[in-house]
C-alpha cells in the first residue's frame, strides 16, 4: 500500500488508554491512517458512516449494542469496510459467531504488534481473506490461569458461582457495582471467558482443585437498645420511668 493511498482505520475500544495507544502505534506506520475513534457501539457505527474506513478495528466488549448487531450496522452504513475484531476472548464459539456476523479477522489482544499490523495489511489486500489468531499457548510450567486471579477476584468468582447478581455481590463485599464489573472484566480476561458461567467452568477446568473461598458476610453492627425501665413514677401528672 503506497503512502498516497494509506489504509484508513477506525479504532473502537472502550478502554481509552488502550485505544489511544493503538492509534499512536498505527499512526507510526507509513501505510496506516487513523480516521476515527470510538468508545462504544453507537459511536463506532457513526464513525464508520462518516469516514467510510477501509478497516474497523473493533473491540466486542463495548457499551451499547451486542457485537453481532454492531457488525451488521457497520456493514449497512459502510459496506466496503472490513471489520477486524480485537478482543481478550478466544472461545471458538465466539470466533465462529463473529466471523458468521461478517468479521474478516479475529485477533486476540495477546498477539504481537507485528502480527496485528500484518493481519490488517493482509485483510486489506485480500477482501476474501479471513485471519484468526487466538491466545498464545501457555508455556510449560506456567501456572493455571486461575493462579493469576487476585484474592478479591476469587471472592467475586465464588459469589458468581452462587448465582449472585452484581448488586448482591457488591453488598456482600461492601464494594460498588462498578468495582464488581471491573473485577469481572479482569476475571474474564484472565480466564478467556465470555460469560459468568463460562468463567466458573473455565476456573474448574484450569485447576480442578480450585475452589474459591466464599467470603464471610460483612458483619452489620447492631444498634444497642437500652433496657426498658420497669418501674413507673408519676411526676407532674405524667408517668416517667426510672
Foldseek 3Di string as FASTA:
>chain_A
DDLVAAAEEEEEAQPVVVRVVVQVVQVVDSRYDYQYYYNALVVLLVSCLVPLGQEYADEQPGPDDHSLVSLVSSCVSRVNHAYAYEYLADDPVVVVSNVVSHHQEYHYNQDDPVVVVVVVVVCSVPVNHHYYYHHDDDDPPDAFLVVVQDLVLLQLLLVVVVVDDLVRSCQQVVHDSVVSVVSVVVLCSSQSADDSVRSNVSVCVSPVVDDRDHDDGDDDDDDDDDDDADDWDDDPNDIDGD
